[in-house]
Amino acid sequence: MLILSSAETESLLDPDALRQALASAMADLSAGRVSMPPRIAAYVEERGGLVAAMPAYLPATSIVAAKLVSLYPGNAGTALPTHQAVVVVFDAATGEPVALLDGTSITTARTAAGSALATALLARSDADVLAIVGTGVQARAHAHAVVRVRPFRELRIAGRDPARTAALAAELRGVLDVEIVVAASPAEACADADVVCLTTGAADPVIRRADLAPGTHVNSVGFESVGREIDSATVADALVVVESRASVLAPPPAGSYDLRVPIDEGLLDPGDLVELGELVAGTAIGRTSAQQLTLYKSVGVAVQDAAAAALVLAAAREAGLGLEFDL
């Protein structure tokens, strides 16, 4: 079995190659060409945490991947991340376990790459102002991934902690070729922004419909089992795109409270949801006008981890990285 460290795994995740791999995986998922059962979890109620299992078989990669991921919101603000994971890769032909990869870096990269793919498919072609709400791992990853798909001239960052917001802005100024602006609030960051990325674990909406200009594209990747980062009015007005209708409508730990609430309120018809893979394949229509509001609500699905793991494994073998270990 090949074992890859966090640093090795992260170094092998090329963002453009990953975005293309996700496009293929999403198309295969929507076409029914993959095996992906619903996410399950064991809950650690006294700690407010959970450990979830996410297996998937992606025939195009010839592997089966299974991610075990923990979600401990209480780790926020500590030295430990809220999400920690490992990915085990099996040979699809023999069932042999062939690799153990760092799943934390895979989760971070594939989530941001999914938003970048959605932005490429849904944002206006002339989008040049990007707003990111949040200052954590996903905020950083989204800044690096999303700027690759549109000619952004300005990136605005808003967060609850002024020190963390300023620190992230300073870090990004050194590596991204866009103007970095610290916004006083999410509403200020989103005002007339063309693309908005919500990367929070908020239990209450961090933006409202009135904060968004006509034609905005919103990526929302925040997960909270009993809360939401988007208000119902935004969801009701938007073309809503998801990775998988079955996943996003499933009960916790798989589904999205952001969408369940407006559905329960009669503001969103589940039949109107569009899958990202349908946009990739051209079997569904995306943006239809410059004024249309679009929303990509991500819950994260296992085929994304499998696609990322296949890329990492192939690159590691080519580069001769990792430690071979005989179980």
C-alpha atoms as a PDB file:
ATOM      1  CA  MET A   1       0.000   0.000   0.000  1.00  0.00           C
ATOM      2  CA  LEU A   2       1.237   3.461  -0.908  1.00  0.00           C
ATOM      3  CA  ILE A   3       0.978   5.998   1.916  1.00  0.00           C
ATOM      4  CA  LEU A   4       1.092   9.729   1.157  1.00  0.00           C
ATOM      5  CA  SER A   5       1.523  12.483   3.708  1.00  0.00           C
ATOM      6  CA  SER A   6      -0.543  15.642   3.832  1.00  0.00           C
ATOM      7  CA  ALA A   7       2.233  17.660   2.199  1.00  0.00           C
ATOM      8  CA  GLU A   8       2.702  15.087  -0.555  1.00  0.00           C
ATOM      9  CA  THR A   9      -1.027  14.791  -1.222  1.00  0.00           C
ATOM     10  CA  GLU A  10      -1.471  18.554  -1.359  1.00  0.00           C
ATOM     11  CA  SER A  11       1.515  19.018  -3.687  1.00  0.00           C
ATOM     12  CA  LEU A  12      -0.004  16.609  -6.215  1.00  0.00           C
ATOM     13  CA  LEU A  13      -3.418  18.304  -6.442  1.00  0.00           C
ATOM     14  CA  ASP A  14      -3.091  20.455  -9.558  1.00  0.00           C
ATOM     15  CA  PRO A  15      -6.123  22.807  -9.432  1.00  0.00           C
ATOM     16  CA  ASP A  16      -6.817  22.884 -13.172  1.00  0.00           C
ATOM     17  CA  ALA A  17      -6.466  19.127 -13.600  1.00  0.00           C
ATOM     18  CA  LEU A  18      -8.657  18.623 -10.544  1.00  0.00           C
ATOM     19  CA  ARG A  19     -11.372  20.909 -11.910  1.00  0.00           C
ATOM     20  CA  GLN A  20     -11.427  18.945 -15.167  1.00  0.00           C
ATOM     21  CA  ALA A  21     -11.506  15.635 -13.301  1.00  0.00           C
ATOM     22  CA  LEU A  22     -14.468  16.848 -11.259  1.00  0.00           C
ATOM     23  CA  ALA A  23     -16.288  17.885 -14.420  1.00  0.00           C
ATOM     24  CA  SER A  24     -16.016  14.336 -15.748  1.00  0.00           C
ATOM     25  CA  ALA A  25     -16.971  12.817 -12.406  1.00  0.00           C
ATOM     26  CA  MET A  26     -20.029  15.061 -12.073  1.00  0.00           C
ATOM     27  CA  ALA A  27     -21.176  14.166 -15.582  1.00  0.00           C
ATOM     28  CA  ASP A  28     -20.748  10.462 -14.781  1.00  0.00           C
ATOM     29  CA  LEU A  29     -22.696  10.886 -11.544  1.00  0.00           C
ATOM     30  CA  SER A  30     -25.639  12.588 -13.255  1.00  0.00           C
ATOM     31  CA  ALA A  31     -25.632   9.964 -15.998  1.00  0.00           C
ATOM     32  CA  GLY A  32     -25.814   7.121 -13.482  1.00  0.00           C
ATOM     33  CA  ARG A  33     -22.395   5.707 -14.350  1.00  0.00           C
ATOM     34  CA  VAL A  34     -21.065   5.580 -10.775  1.00  0.00           C
ATOM     35  CA  SER A  35     -21.873   3.739  -7.564  1.00  0.00           C
ATOM     36  CA  MET A  36     -22.231   6.134  -4.636  1.00  0.00           C
ATOM     37  CA  PRO A  37     -24.368   5.228  -1.598  1.00  0.00           C
ATOM     38  CA  PRO A  38     -25.631   7.934   0.759  1.00  0.00           C
ATOM     39  CA  ARG A  39     -23.190   9.314   3.303  1.00  0.00           C
ATOM     40  CA  ILE A  40     -23.543   7.785   6.773  1.00  0.00           C
ATOM     41  CA  ALA A  41     -22.146   8.952  10.096  1.00  0.00           C
ATOM     42  CA  ALA A  42     -21.565   8.041  13.718  1.00  0.00           C
ATOM     43  CA  TYR A  43     -22.337  10.958  16.035  1.00  0.00           C
ATOM     44  CA  VAL A  44     -20.260  11.928  19.056  1.00  0.00           C
ATOM     45  CA  GLU A  45     -23.016  13.919  20.708  1.00  0.00           C
ATOM     46  CA  GLU A  46     -21.112  14.967  23.816  1.00  0.00           C
ATOM     47  CA  ARG A  47     -18.530  16.669  21.579  1.00  0.00           C
ATOM     48  CA  GLY A  48     -20.902  17.865  18.887  1.00  0.00           C
ATOM     49  CA  GLY A  49     -18.891  15.904  16.328  1.00  0.00           C
ATOM     50  CA  LEU A  50     -19.363  13.129  13.826  1.00  0.00           C
ATOM     51  CA  VAL A  51     -17.350  10.707  11.717  1.00  0.00           C
ATOM     52  CA  ALA A  52     -18.809  10.050   8.273  1.00  0.00           C
ATOM     53  CA  ALA A  53     -18.107   7.360   5.671  1.00  0.00           C
ATOM     54  CA  MET A  54     -18.181   8.272   1.959  1.00  0.00           C
ATOM     55  CA  PRO A  55     -17.415   5.433  -0.516  1.00  0.00           C
ATOM     56  CA  ALA A  56     -17.680   5.666  -4.296  1.00  0.00           C
ATOM     57  CA  TYR A  57     -16.799   3.640  -7.377  1.00  0.00           C
ATOM     58  CA  LEU A  58     -15.887   5.775 -10.365  1.00  0.00           C
ATOM     59  CA  PRO A  59     -15.407   3.356 -13.309  1.00  0.00           C
ATOM     60  CA  ALA A  60     -13.509   5.906 -15.390  1.00  0.00           C
ATOM     61  CA  THR A  61     -10.683   5.858 -12.813  1.00  0.00           C
ATOM     62  CA  SER A  62     -10.582   2.076 -12.187  1.00  0.00           C
ATOM     63  CA  ILE A  63     -10.554   2.663  -8.436  1.00  0.00           C
ATOM     64  CA  VAL A  64     -12.918   2.507  -5.512  1.00  0.00           C
ATOM     65  CA  ALA A  65     -12.276   5.176  -2.890  1.00  0.00           C
ATOM     66  CA  ALA A  66     -13.651   5.449   0.614  1.00  0.00           C
ATOM     67  CA  LYS A  67     -13.221   8.572   2.694  1.00  0.00           C
ATOM     68  CA  LEU A  68     -13.573   8.648   6.449  1.00  0.00           C
ATOM     69  CA  VAL A  69     -14.050  12.239   7.558  1.00  0.00           C
ATOM     70  CA  SER A  70     -14.615  13.783  10.972  1.00  0.00           C
ATOM     71  CA  LEU A  71     -16.482  17.034  11.491  1.00  0.00           C
ATOM     72  CA  TYR A  72     -15.853  18.707  14.843  1.00  0.00           C
ATOM     73  CA  PRO A  73     -17.124  22.311  14.748  1.00  0.00           C
ATOM     74  CA  GLY A  74     -15.694  22.800  18.243  1.00  0.00           C
ATOM     75  CA  ASN A  75     -12.194  22.739  16.756  1.00  0.00           C
ATOM     76  CA  ALA A  76     -12.786  26.140  15.180  1.00  0.00           C
ATOM     77  CA  GLY A  77     -10.265  28.612  16.522  1.00  0.00           C
ATOM     78  CA  THR A  78      -7.904  25.857  17.736  1.00  0.00           C
ATOM     79  CA  ALA A  79      -4.840  24.262  16.186  1.00  0.00           C
ATOM     80  CA  LEU A  80      -7.010  21.450  14.827  1.00  0.00           C
ATOM     81  CA  PRO A  81      -9.146  21.789  11.669  1.00  0.00           C
ATOM     82  CA  THR A  82     -12.894  21.252  11.888  1.00  0.00           C
ATOM     83  CA  HIS A  83     -12.654  18.641   9.102  1.00  0.00           C
ATOM     84  CA  GLN A  84     -10.073  15.822   9.212  1.00  0.00           C
ATOM     85  CA  ALA A  85     -10.035  12.853   6.869  1.00  0.00           C
ATOM     86  CA  VAL A  86      -8.278   9.922   5.283  1.00  0.00           C
ATOM     87  CA  VAL A  87      -8.994   8.313   1.914  1.00  0.00           C
ATOM     88  CA  VAL A  88      -8.405   4.619   1.276  1.00  0.00           C
ATOM     89  CA  VAL A  89      -8.102   3.603  -2.376  1.00  0.00           C
ATOM     90  CA  PHE A  90      -8.901   0.089  -3.609  1.00  0.00           C
ATOM     91  CA  ASP A  91      -8.137  -1.498  -6.969  1.00  0.00           C
ATOM     92  CA  ALA A  92     -11.521  -1.898  -8.669  1.00  0.00           C
ATOM     93  CA  ALA A  93     -10.425  -5.075 -10.448  1.00  0.00           C
ATOM     94  CA  THR A  94      -9.213  -7.005  -7.399  1.00  0.00           C
ATOM     95  CA  GLY A  95     -10.496  -5.148  -4.328  1.00  0.00           C
ATOM     96  CA  GLU A  96      -6.913  -4.805  -3.088  1.00  0.00           C
ATOM     97  CA  PRO A  97      -6.269  -1.719  -0.916  1.00  0.00           C
ATOM     98  CA  VAL A  98      -3.560   0.154  -2.804  1.00  0.00           C
ATOM     99  CA  ALA A  99      -3.210   3.562  -1.158  1.00  0.00           C
ATOM    100  CA  LEU A 100      -3.848   5.617   1.963  1.00  0.00           C
ATOM    101  CA  LEU A 101      -4.057   9.338   1.268  1.00  0.00           C
ATOM    102  CA  ASP A 102      -4.511  12.459   3.363  1.00  0.00           C
ATOM    103  CA  GLY A 103      -8.193  13.196   3.009  1.00  0.00           C
ATOM    104  CA  THR A 104      -8.114  16.611   4.643  1.00  0.00           C
ATOM    105  CA  SER A 105      -6.185  18.212   1.784  1.00  0.00           C
ATOM    106  CA  ILE A 106      -8.280  16.301  -0.755  1.00  0.00           C
ATOM    107  CA  THR A 107     -11.506  17.567   0.833  1.00  0.00           C
ATOM    108  CA  THR A 108     -10.228  21.144   0.848  1.00  0.00           C
ATOM    109  CA  ALA A 109      -9.045  21.090  -2.760  1.00  0.00           C
ATOM    110  CA  ARG A 110     -11.972  19.245  -4.311  1.00  0.00           C
ATOM    111  CA  THR A 111     -14.532  21.460  -2.552  1.00  0.00           C
ATOM    112  CA  ALA A 112     -12.926  24.615  -3.902  1.00  0.00           C
ATOM    113  CA  ALA A 113     -12.478  23.023  -7.330  1.00  0.00           C
ATOM    114  CA  GLY A 114     -16.198  22.216  -7.383  1.00  0.00           C
ATOM    115  CA  SER A 115     -17.002  25.873  -6.784  1.00  0.00           C
ATOM    116  CA  ALA A 116     -14.526  26.880  -9.477  1.00  0.00           C
ATOM    117  CA  LEU A 117     -16.224  24.499 -11.900  1.00  0.00           C
ATOM    118  CA  ALA A 118     -19.650  25.896 -11.006  1.00  0.00           C
ATOM    119  CA  THR A 119     -18.325  29.427 -11.459  1.00  0.00           C
ATOM    120  CA  ALA A 120     -16.930  28.536 -14.880  1.00  0.00           C
ATOM    121  CA  LEU A 121     -20.332  27.146 -15.892  1.00  0.00           C
ATOM    122  CA  LEU A 122     -22.625  29.730 -14.303  1.00  0.00           C
ATOM    123  CA  ALA A 123     -20.942  33.088 -13.709  1.00  0.00           C
ATOM    124  CA  ARG A 124     -21.192  35.821 -16.321  1.00  0.00           C
ATOM    125  CA  SER A 125     -18.235  35.798 -18.693  1.00  0.00           C
ATOM    126  CA  ASP A 126     -17.347  39.383 -17.734  1.00  0.00           C
ATOM    127  CA  ALA A 127     -17.389  38.741 -13.964  1.00  0.00           C
ATOM    128  CA  ASP A 128     -14.516  40.672 -12.404  1.00  0.00           C
ATOM    129  CA  VAL A 129     -15.382  41.202  -8.713  1.00  0.00           C
ATOM    130  CA  LEU A 130     -15.159  38.206  -6.375  1.00  0.00           C
ATOM    131  CA  ALA A 131     -16.343  38.249  -2.749  1.00  0.00           C
ATOM    132  CA  ILE A 132     -15.436  35.586  -0.202  1.00  0.00           C
ATOM    133  CA  VAL A 133     -17.246  35.375   3.127  1.00  0.00           C
ATOM    134  CA  GLY A 134     -15.195  33.443   5.652  1.00  0.00           C
ATOM    135  CA  THR A 135     -11.539  33.327   6.669  1.00  0.00           C
ATOM    136  CA  GLY A 136     -10.824  29.636   7.152  1.00  0.00           C
ATOM    137  CA  VAL A 137      -9.375  26.824   5.098  1.00  0.00           C
ATOM    138  CA  GLN A 138     -12.121  26.933   2.470  1.00  0.00           C
ATOM    139  CA  ALA A 139     -11.931  30.714   2.109  1.00  0.00           C
ATOM    140  CA  ARG A 140      -8.239  30.420   1.279  1.00  0.00           C
ATOM    141  CA  ALA A 141      -8.779  27.472  -1.063  1.00  0.00           C
ATOM    142  CA  HIS A 142     -11.612  29.241  -2.883  1.00  0.00           C
ATOM    143  CA  ALA A 143      -9.503  32.339  -3.418  1.00  0.00           C
ATOM    144  CA  HIS A 144      -6.853  30.266  -5.161  1.00  0.00           C
ATOM    145  CA  ALA A 145      -9.260  28.087  -7.163  1.00  0.00           C
ATOM    146  CA  VAL A 146     -12.000  30.474  -8.281  1.00  0.00           C
ATOM    147  CA  VAL A 147      -9.714  33.242  -9.572  1.00  0.00           C
ATOM    148  CA  ARG A 148      -8.509  30.789 -12.229  1.00  0.00           C
ATOM    149  CA  VAL A 149     -11.796  30.726 -14.150  1.00  0.00           C
ATOM    150  CA  ARG A 150     -12.673  34.416 -14.622  1.00  0.00           C
ATOM    151  CA  PRO A 151     -10.634  37.619 -15.170  1.00  0.00           C
ATOM    152  CA  PHE A 152     -11.176  38.974 -11.650  1.00  0.00           C
ATOM    153  CA  ARG A 153      -9.643  42.355 -10.887  1.00  0.00           C
ATOM    154  CA  GLU A 154     -10.834  42.593  -7.259  1.00  0.00           C
ATOM    155  CA  LEU A 155     -11.228  40.106  -4.424  1.00  0.00           C
ATOM    156  CA  ARG A 156     -13.119  41.189  -1.299  1.00  0.00           C
ATOM    157  CA  ILE A 157     -12.886  39.288   1.973  1.00  0.00           C
ATOM    158  CA  ALA A 158     -15.266  39.485   4.912  1.00  0.00           C
ATOM    159  CA  GLY A 159     -15.078  37.601   8.194  1.00  0.00           C
ATOM    160  CA  ARG A 160     -16.233  37.743  11.798  1.00  0.00           C
ATOM    161  CA  ASP A 161     -12.706  38.112  13.204  1.00  0.00           C
ATOM    162  CA  PRO A 162     -10.980  41.303  11.971  1.00  0.00           C
ATOM    163  CA  ALA A 163      -7.515  39.935  12.763  1.00  0.00           C
ATOM    164  CA  ARG A 164      -8.069  36.717  10.799  1.00  0.00           C
ATOM    165  CA  THR A 165      -9.622  38.644   7.917  1.00  0.00           C
ATOM    166  CA  ALA A 166      -6.641  40.996   7.742  1.00  0.00           C
ATOM    167  CA  ALA A 167      -4.206  38.081   7.973  1.00  0.00           C
ATOM    168  CA  LEU A 168      -5.848  36.216   5.099  1.00  0.00           C
ATOM    169  CA  ALA A 169      -5.900  39.371   2.984  1.00  0.00           C
ATOM    170  CA  ALA A 170      -2.194  39.954   3.632  1.00  0.00           C
ATOM    171  CA  GLU A 171      -1.386  36.358   2.721  1.00  0.00           C
ATOM    172  CA  LEU A 172      -3.340  36.497  -0.538  1.00  0.00           C
ATOM    173  CA  ARG A 173      -1.818  39.832  -1.570  1.00  0.00           C
ATOM    174  CA  GLY A 174       1.496  38.084  -1.813  1.00  0.00           C
ATOM    175  CA  VAL A 175       0.375  35.369  -4.214  1.00  0.00           C
ATOM    176  CA  LEU A 176      -2.707  36.418  -6.211  1.00  0.00           C
ATOM    177  CA  ASP A 177      -2.632  38.899  -9.070  1.00  0.00           C
ATOM    178  CA  VAL A 178      -5.838  40.713  -8.058  1.00  0.00           C
ATOM    179  CA  GLU A 179      -6.575  43.656  -5.799  1.00  0.00           C
ATOM    180  CA  ILE A 180      -7.389  42.341  -2.313  1.00  0.00           C
ATOM    181  CA  VAL A 181      -9.905  44.377  -0.295  1.00  0.00           C
ATOM    182  CA  VAL A 182     -10.970  43.835   3.319  1.00  0.00           C
ATOM    183  CA  ALA A 183     -14.711  44.453   3.655  1.00  0.00           C
ATOM    184  CA  ALA A 184     -16.331  45.625   6.861  1.00  0.00           C
ATOM    185  CA  SER A 185     -19.187  43.112   6.568  1.00  0.00           C
ATOM    186  CA  PRO A 186     -20.519  40.340   4.320  1.00  0.00           C
ATOM    187  CA  ALA A 187     -23.088  42.768   2.925  1.00  0.00           C
ATOM    188  CA  GLU A 188     -20.356  45.237   1.987  1.00  0.00           C
ATOM    189  CA  ALA A 189     -18.275  42.481   0.370  1.00  0.00           C
ATOM    190  CA  CYS A 190     -21.219  41.223  -1.681  1.00  0.00           C
ATOM    191  CA  ALA A 191     -22.529  44.605  -2.833  1.00  0.00           C
ATOM    192  CA  ASP A 192     -22.313  44.578  -6.663  1.00  0.00           C
ATOM    193  CA  ALA A 193     -19.963  41.552  -6.580  1.00  0.00           C
ATOM    194  CA  ASP A 194     -20.234  39.288  -9.612  1.00  0.00           C
ATOM    195  CA  VAL A 195     -19.316  36.066  -7.785  1.00  0.00           C
ATOM    196  CA  VAL A 196     -19.808  35.357  -4.076  1.00  0.00           C
ATOM    197  CA  CYS A 197     -18.299  32.403  -2.209  1.00  0.00           C
ATOM    198  CA  LEU A 198     -19.782  31.525   1.182  1.00  0.00           C
ATOM    199  CA  THR A 199     -17.354  29.371   3.170  1.00  0.00           C
ATOM    200  CA  THR A 200     -18.729  29.580   6.704  1.00  0.00           C
ATOM    201  CA  GLY A 201     -20.112  27.229   9.297  1.00  0.00           C
ATOM    202  CA  ALA A 202     -22.773  29.760  10.210  1.00  0.00           C
ATOM    203  CA  ALA A 203     -26.004  28.668  11.836  1.00  0.00           C
ATOM    204  CA  ASP A 204     -27.797  31.786  10.585  1.00  0.00           C
ATOM    205  CA  PRO A 205     -27.679  33.334   7.083  1.00  0.00           C
ATOM    206  CA  VAL A 206     -24.588  35.462   6.550  1.00  0.00           C
ATOM    207  CA  ILE A 207     -26.058  37.186   3.488  1.00  0.00           C
ATOM    208  CA  ARG A 208     -29.561  38.200   2.470  1.00  0.00           C
ATOM    209  CA  ARG A 209     -31.161  38.507  -0.960  1.00  0.00           C
ATOM    210  CA  ALA A 210     -30.958  42.302  -0.722  1.00  0.00           C
ATOM    211  CA  ASP A 211     -27.165  42.036  -0.447  1.00  0.00           C
ATOM    212  CA  LEU A 212     -26.847  40.526  -3.933  1.00  0.00           C
ATOM    213  CA  ALA A 213     -26.878  42.422  -7.209  1.00  0.00           C
ATOM    214  CA  PRO A 214     -28.739  41.119 -10.274  1.00  0.00           C
ATOM    215  CA  GLY A 215     -26.730  38.514 -12.135  1.00  0.00           C
ATOM    216  CA  THR A 216     -24.617  37.417  -9.176  1.00  0.00           C
ATOM    217  CA  HIS A 217     -23.385  33.843  -9.003  1.00  0.00           C
ATOM    218  CA  VAL A 218     -23.166  32.398  -5.463  1.00  0.00           C
ATOM    219  CA  ASN A 219     -21.151  29.378  -4.329  1.00  0.00           C
ATOM    220  CA  SER A 220     -22.152  28.048  -0.908  1.00  0.00           C
ATOM    221  CA  VAL A 221     -20.071  25.287   0.692  1.00  0.00           C
ATOM    222  CA  GLY A 222     -20.796  25.881   4.378  1.00  0.00           C
ATOM    223  CA  PHE A 223     -22.294  22.932   6.251  1.00  0.00           C
ATOM    224  CA  GLU A 224     -24.311  23.091   9.459  1.00  0.00           C
ATOM    225  CA  SER A 225     -26.703  20.253  10.312  1.00  0.00           C
ATOM    226  CA  VAL A 226     -29.256  22.579  11.915  1.00  0.00           C
ATOM    227  CA  GLY A 227     -28.358  25.964  10.427  1.00  0.00           C
ATOM    228  CA  ARG A 228     -27.763  27.667   7.109  1.00  0.00           C
ATOM    229  CA  GLU A 229     -25.659  30.415   5.570  1.00  0.00           C
ATOM    230  CA  ILE A 230     -28.170  31.428   2.842  1.00  0.00           C
ATOM    231  CA  ASP A 231     -31.608  32.942   3.403  1.00  0.00           C
ATOM    232  CA  SER A 232     -34.743  31.516   1.784  1.00  0.00           C
ATOM    233  CA  ALA A 233     -35.301  34.551  -0.452  1.00  0.00           C
ATOM    234  CA  THR A 234     -31.935  34.048  -2.157  1.00  0.00           C
ATOM    235  CA  VAL A 235     -32.676  30.379  -2.787  1.00  0.00           C
ATOM    236  CA  ALA A 236     -36.187  31.177  -4.067  1.00  0.00           C
ATOM    237  CA  ASP A 237     -34.887  33.715  -6.599  1.00  0.00           C
ATOM    238  CA  ALA A 238     -31.979  31.642  -7.909  1.00  0.00           C
ATOM    239  CA  LEU A 239     -31.357  28.896 -10.396  1.00  0.00           C
ATOM    240  CA  VAL A 240     -30.157  26.313  -7.868  1.00  0.00           C
ATOM    241  CA  VAL A 241     -27.440  23.868  -8.916  1.00  0.00           C
ATOM    242  CA  VAL A 242     -26.290  20.916  -6.785  1.00  0.00           C
ATOM    243  CA  GLU A 243     -23.894  17.988  -7.123  1.00  0.00           C
ATOM    244  CA  SER A 244     -26.659  15.428  -6.652  1.00  0.00           C
ATOM    245  CA  ARG A 245     -30.367  15.877  -6.069  1.00  0.00           C
ATOM    246  CA  ALA A 246     -30.473  12.664  -4.044  1.00  0.00           C
ATOM    247  CA  SER A 247     -27.614  13.776  -1.799  1.00  0.00           C
ATOM    248  CA  VAL A 248     -28.707  17.353  -1.213  1.00  0.00           C
ATOM    249  CA  LEU A 249     -32.279  16.299  -0.357  1.00  0.00           C
ATOM    250  CA  ALA A 250     -31.244  13.449   1.947  1.00  0.00           C
ATOM    251  CA  PRO A 251     -31.454  13.782   5.742  1.00  0.00           C
ATOM    252  CA  PRO A 252     -28.292  14.594   7.727  1.00  0.00           C
ATOM    253  CA  PRO A 253     -25.433  13.957   7.421  1.00  0.00           C
ATOM    254  CA  ALA A 254     -25.854  14.154   3.650  1.00  0.00           C
ATOM    255  CA  GLY A 255     -28.352  16.882   2.878  1.00  0.00           C
ATOM    256  CA  SER A 256     -28.504  20.665   2.950  1.00  0.00           C
ATOM    257  CA  TYR A 257     -30.451  22.613   5.539  1.00  0.00           C
ATOM    258  CA  ASP A 258     -29.992  25.653   3.274  1.00  0.00           C
ATOM    259  CA  LEU A 259     -32.357  24.013   0.786  1.00  0.00           C
ATOM    260  CA  ARG A 260     -34.591  21.987   3.102  1.00  0.00           C
ATOM    261  CA  VAL A 261     -35.929  25.133   4.772  1.00  0.00           C
ATOM    262  CA  PRO A 262     -37.112  26.912   1.586  1.00  0.00           C
ATOM    263  CA  ILE A 263     -38.508  23.598   0.304  1.00  0.00           C
ATOM    264  CA  ASP A 264     -40.512  23.204   3.520  1.00  0.00           C
ATOM    265  CA  GLU A 265     -41.643  26.827   3.155  1.00  0.00           C
ATOM    266  CA  GLY A 266     -42.930  26.095  -0.350  1.00  0.00           C
ATOM    267  CA  LEU A 267     -40.390  28.479  -1.917  1.00  0.00           C
ATOM    268  CA  LEU A 268     -38.339  25.858  -3.787  1.00  0.00           C
ATOM    269  CA  ASP A 269     -39.551  22.918  -5.851  1.00  0.00           C
ATOM    270  CA  PRO A 270     -37.075  19.998  -5.599  1.00  0.00           C
ATOM    271  CA  GLY A 271     -37.877  19.224  -9.226  1.00  0.00           C
ATOM    272  CA  ASP A 272     -36.316  22.523 -10.245  1.00  0.00           C
ATOM    273  CA  LEU A 273     -32.870  21.600  -8.920  1.00  0.00           C
ATOM    274  CA  VAL A 274     -30.220  21.216 -11.614  1.00  0.00           C
ATOM    275  CA  GLU A 275     -27.199  18.944 -11.226  1.00  0.00           C
ATOM    276  CA  LEU A 276     -23.697  20.199 -11.972  1.00  0.00           C
ATOM    277  CA  GLY A 277     -23.060  17.137 -14.127  1.00  0.00           C
ATOM    278  CA  GLU A 278     -26.094  17.980 -16.255  1.00  0.00           C
ATOM    279  CA  LEU A 279     -24.574  21.377 -17.014  1.00  0.00           C
ATOM    280  CA  VAL A 280     -21.252  19.735 -17.896  1.00  0.00           C
ATOM    281  CA  ALA A 281     -22.979  17.271 -20.238  1.00  0.00           C
ATOM    282  CA  GLY A 282     -25.288  19.905 -21.740  1.00  0.00           C
ATOM    283  CA  THR A 283     -28.443  18.051 -20.719  1.00  0.00           C
ATOM    284  CA  ALA A 284     -29.665  20.991 -18.596  1.00  0.00           C
ATOM    285  CA  ILE A 285     -29.662  24.751 -19.130  1.00  0.00           C
ATOM    286  CA  GLY A 286     -27.674  27.049 -16.863  1.00  0.00           C
ATOM    287  CA  ARG A 287     -27.678  30.832 -16.904  1.00  0.00           C
ATOM    288  CA  THR A 288     -30.218  32.266 -19.338  1.00  0.00           C
ATOM    289  CA  SER A 289     -29.641  36.015 -18.855  1.00  0.00           C
ATOM    290  CA  ALA A 290     -27.134  38.490 -17.465  1.00  0.00           C
ATOM    291  CA  GLN A 291     -29.612  39.403 -14.723  1.00  0.00           C
ATOM    292  CA  GLN A 292     -30.267  35.872 -13.487  1.00  0.00           C
ATOM    293  CA  LEU A 293     -29.184  34.918  -9.974  1.00  0.00           C
ATOM    294  CA  THR A 294     -27.457  31.536  -9.825  1.00  0.00           C
ATOM    295  CA  LEU A 295     -26.573  29.446  -6.774  1.00  0.00           C
ATOM    296  CA  TYR A 296     -24.334  26.402  -6.455  1.00  0.00           C
ATOM    297  CA  LYS A 297     -25.084  24.680  -3.151  1.00  0.00           C
ATOM    298  CA  SER A 298     -22.457  22.070  -2.369  1.00  0.00           C
ATOM    299  CA  VAL A 299     -22.721  19.328   0.229  1.00  0.00           C
ATOM    300  CA  GLY A 300     -19.699  17.406  -1.064  1.00  0.00           C
ATOM    301  CA  VAL A 301     -20.092  13.972  -2.634  1.00  0.00           C
ATOM    302  CA  ALA A 302     -17.862  10.921  -2.610  1.00  0.00           C
ATOM    303  CA  VAL A 303     -17.207  10.787  -6.363  1.00  0.00           C
ATOM    304  CA  GLN A 304     -15.364  14.097  -5.985  1.00  0.00           C
ATOM    305  CA  ASP A 305     -13.023  12.473  -3.463  1.00  0.00           C
ATOM    306  CA  ALA A 306     -12.576   9.474  -5.763  1.00  0.00           C
ATOM    307  CA  ALA A 307     -11.718  11.685  -8.733  1.00  0.00           C
ATOM    308  CA  ALA A 308      -9.202  13.641  -6.644  1.00  0.00           C
ATOM    309  CA  ALA A 309      -7.700  10.466  -5.186  1.00  0.00           C
ATOM    310  CA  ALA A 310      -7.219   8.986  -8.664  1.00  0.00           C
ATOM    311  CA  LEU A 311      -5.346  12.108  -9.759  1.00  0.00           C
ATOM    312  CA  VAL A 312      -3.127  12.080  -6.677  1.00  0.00           C
ATOM    313  CA  LEU A 313      -2.356   8.377  -6.955  1.00  0.00           C
ATOM    314  CA  ALA A 314      -1.401   8.606 -10.635  1.00  0.00           C
ATOM    315  CA  ALA A 315       0.810  11.647 -10.019  1.00  0.00           C
ATOM    316  CA  ALA A 316       2.472  10.028  -7.002  1.00  0.00           C
ATOM    317  CA  ARG A 317       3.373   6.924  -8.957  1.00  0.00           C
ATOM    318  CA  GLU A 318       4.788   9.021 -11.780  1.00  0.00           C
ATOM    319  CA  ALA A 319       6.847  11.140  -9.382  1.00  0.00           C
ATOM    320  CA  GLY A 320       7.904   8.262  -7.164  1.00  0.00           C
ATOM    321  CA  LEU A 321       6.440   9.858  -4.037  1.00  0.00           C
ATOM    322  CA  GLY A 322       5.056   8.167  -0.956  1.00  0.00           C
ATOM    323  CA  LEU A 323       5.944   5.284   1.297  1.00  0.00           C
ATOM    324  CA  GLU A 324       5.237   1.700   0.240  1.00  0.00           C
ATOM    325  CA  PHE A 325       3.956  -0.267   3.209  1.00  0.00           C
ATOM    326  CA  ASP A 326       3.091  -3.966   3.385  1.00  0.00           C
ATOM    327  CA  LEU A 327      -0.013  -4.472   5.498  1.00  0.00           C
END
